[in-house]
Structures are given as structure tokens and as C-alpha cells.
Amino acid sequence: MFDSSSFAKGYAIVAMTIVALIVIGIIIRDIRNARIKSYIEKNGIHTHAEIVNIEIHTGKISDYTNIKLHYRFNDYNGRNVAGVGNAVIFTSDLAQYQPGKTFGIIYDKDDPSRVVLKIENASLKRRK
């Protein structure tokens, strides 16, 4: 027969294993993304992208605003490349990120869809 305590222990072990696998997966993804970003920053091509659209996401009253930028740029071959990226900016700087304005990017020459936005995370710097 089944002992209910060993059955519960089995579920606990399965649950902890699933949580551990999820955490390990997140850590591996973050390490991989950091390596890609580092590679692009070292070997990529610097240019400017034009903002096509902006989505603003504010959760509460704060000095910071999360934005999703829809942008486009021409790669070194003259091809038009479109992309989407996220950034955290000071709310007071929102006027700098409107359609038609430009911002700096670095893209991978071999895969122009891999882009690093050159927008410093406002939540990691001090207000001047």
C-alpha cells in the first residue's frame, strides 16, 4: 500500500526539482544573453536607429518609465532592419524618445537583428 507521507515527499521532491530546473534555465539564459551582448559591444557596428513607435509602461508614480521602442535602421549593406527593444528611462526624458527621433545602437554585422540599445538604464544611475 501507499504511505501518504512518502507520497507527499515524492510530490515535494518533484516540485523542488521543477523549481530548480526553472532557476537553472533562467541563469543559463542570462549568461548566454550577457555573452551575446558583450560580443556585440566589442565587435558590432555602431549606428543610429530611428524610433518608429513607442509604448510606455508605467506601473506606479516613479521617476522611471519603462518603454518599448519600435525602431529601424540601415545596416552596412543598406538593408532596412526593423526591431523592438526595451529600456528604462527617466520620465522627464520621455520627450527624447518620440517617433522620428534617433538613438544609438550597436548591431551584429553577421546578424543585424541582434542589437544592443545604447540607452543607459535610468534606474541604475543617479539623477543629475
Protein backbone atom coordinates (compact mmCIF):
# COMPACT_ATOMS: atom_id res chain seq x y z
CA MET A 1 0.00 0.00 0.00
CA PHE A 2 0.94 3.64 -0.36
CA ASP A 3 2.09 5.59 2.63
CA SER A 4 0.65 9.11 2.38
CA SER A 5 3.77 10.72 3.85
CA SER A 6 6.08 9.14 1.27
CA PHE A 7 3.60 10.14 -1.45
CA ALA A 8 3.73 13.76 -0.21
CA LYS A 9 7.54 13.62 -0.06
CA GLY A 10 7.58 12.45 -3.66
CA TYR A 11 5.46 15.44 -4.73
CA ALA A 12 7.73 17.78 -2.76
CA ILE A 13 10.82 16.37 -4.47
CA VAL A 14 9.20 16.70 -7.89
CA ALA A 15 8.13 20.30 -7.14
CA MET A 16 11.60 21.26 -5.89
CA THR A 17 13.20 19.66 -8.95
CA ILE A 18 10.94 21.63 -11.29
CA VAL A 19 11.73 24.90 -9.47
CA ALA A 20 15.47 24.12 -9.56
CA LEU A 21 15.34 23.39 -13.31
CA ILE A 22 13.50 26.67 -13.94
CA VAL A 23 16.07 28.64 -11.93
CA ILE A 24 18.97 26.91 -13.72
CA GLY A 25 17.32 27.64 -17.08
CA ILE A 26 16.97 31.33 -16.22
CA ILE A 27 20.60 31.53 -15.09
CA ILE A 28 21.82 29.85 -18.30
CA ARG A 29 19.68 32.18 -20.44
CA ASP A 30 21.02 35.27 -18.62
CA ILE A 31 24.64 34.11 -19.04
CA ARG A 32 24.07 33.44 -22.75
CA ASN A 33 22.42 36.84 -23.25
CA ALA A 34 25.27 38.59 -21.41
CA ARG A 35 27.83 36.88 -23.67
CA ILE A 36 25.92 37.88 -26.80
CA LYS A 37 25.66 41.48 -25.57
CA SER A 38 29.38 41.57 -24.75
CA TYR A 39 30.28 40.14 -28.18
CA ILE A 40 28.10 42.71 -29.97
CA GLU A 41 29.52 45.58 -27.91
CA LYS A 42 33.10 44.51 -28.78
CA ASN A 43 32.62 43.50 -32.43
CA GLY A 44 29.43 45.22 -33.55
CA ILE A 45 28.78 48.18 -35.78
CA HIS A 46 27.76 51.47 -34.15
CA THR A 47 24.96 53.43 -35.79
CA HIS A 48 21.73 55.25 -35.01
CA ALA A 49 18.19 53.92 -35.23
CA GLU A 50 15.04 55.92 -35.88
CA ILE A 51 12.13 55.47 -33.49
CA VAL A 52 9.02 54.34 -35.36
CA ASN A 53 6.73 53.85 -32.35
CA ILE A 54 6.96 53.89 -28.58
CA GLU A 55 4.94 52.01 -25.98
CA ILE A 56 5.04 53.43 -22.47
CA HIS A 57 4.61 51.20 -19.43
CA THR A 58 4.46 52.85 -16.02
CA GLY A 59 3.43 50.78 -13.04
CA LYS A 60 3.32 53.44 -10.35
CA ILE A 61 4.29 57.01 -9.66
CA SER A 62 8.01 56.94 -10.21
CA ASP A 63 10.95 58.85 -11.66
CA TYR A 64 11.38 55.98 -14.14
CA THR A 65 9.38 54.86 -17.15
CA ASN A 66 9.67 51.52 -18.95
CA ILE A 67 9.48 51.97 -22.71
CA LYS A 68 9.31 49.59 -25.63
CA LEU A 69 10.86 51.13 -28.73
CA HIS A 70 9.96 50.04 -32.23
CA TYR A 71 12.86 51.21 -34.40
CA ARG A 72 14.50 50.87 -37.79
CA PHE A 73 17.97 51.40 -39.18
CA ASN A 74 20.01 50.66 -42.29
CA ASP A 75 22.74 48.05 -41.92
CA TYR A 76 26.17 48.29 -43.58
CA ASN A 77 24.69 46.83 -46.80
CA GLY A 78 21.94 49.46 -46.88
CA ARG A 79 19.20 47.00 -45.94
CA ASN A 80 16.40 48.36 -43.78
CA VAL A 81 16.24 46.47 -40.46
CA ALA A 82 13.35 46.82 -38.00
CA GLY A 83 13.43 45.82 -34.37
CA VAL A 84 11.93 46.22 -30.93
CA GLY A 85 13.78 46.86 -27.69
CA ASN A 86 13.06 47.77 -24.09
CA ALA A 87 14.63 50.47 -21.95
CA VAL A 88 14.19 52.19 -18.59
CA ILE A 89 14.42 55.97 -18.79
CA PHE A 90 13.75 58.92 -16.53
CA THR A 91 10.16 60.04 -17.00
CA SER A 92 11.42 63.59 -17.56
CA ASP A 93 13.44 62.33 -20.59
CA LEU A 94 10.40 60.90 -22.37
CA ALA A 95 10.37 63.72 -24.97
CA GLN A 96 13.74 62.44 -26.27
CA TYR A 97 12.16 59.12 -27.27
CA GLN A 98 9.38 60.04 -29.69
CA PRO A 99 8.73 58.78 -33.23
CA GLY A 100 11.19 60.32 -35.68
CA LYS A 101 13.94 60.82 -33.08
CA THR A 102 17.10 58.71 -33.14
CA PHE A 103 19.19 56.88 -30.57
CA GLY A 104 22.44 54.92 -30.63
CA ILE A 105 22.64 51.19 -31.22
CA ILE A 106 25.28 48.56 -31.87
CA TYR A 107 24.34 45.65 -34.13
CA ASP A 108 25.95 42.35 -35.06
CA LYS A 109 27.38 42.55 -38.60
CA ASP A 110 26.59 38.86 -39.19
CA ASP A 111 23.04 39.12 -37.83
CA PRO A 112 21.72 42.71 -37.86
CA SER A 113 18.62 41.63 -35.95
CA ARG A 114 20.86 41.23 -32.86
CA VAL A 115 21.03 44.74 -31.44
CA VAL A 116 22.24 46.39 -28.24
CA LEU A 117 20.43 49.64 -27.44
CA LYS A 118 22.79 52.37 -26.27
CA ILE A 119 20.33 53.70 -23.70
CA GLU A 120 21.66 53.64 -20.16
CA ASN A 121 19.25 52.11 -17.63
CA ALA A 122 17.97 55.12 -15.66
CA SER A 123 17.26 53.03 -12.57
CA LEU A 124 20.99 52.22 -12.31
CA LYS A 125 22.30 55.78 -12.43
CA ARG A 126 21.95 58.83 -10.23
CA ARG A 127 19.87 61.80 -11.25
CA LYS A 128 21.98 64.89 -12.03
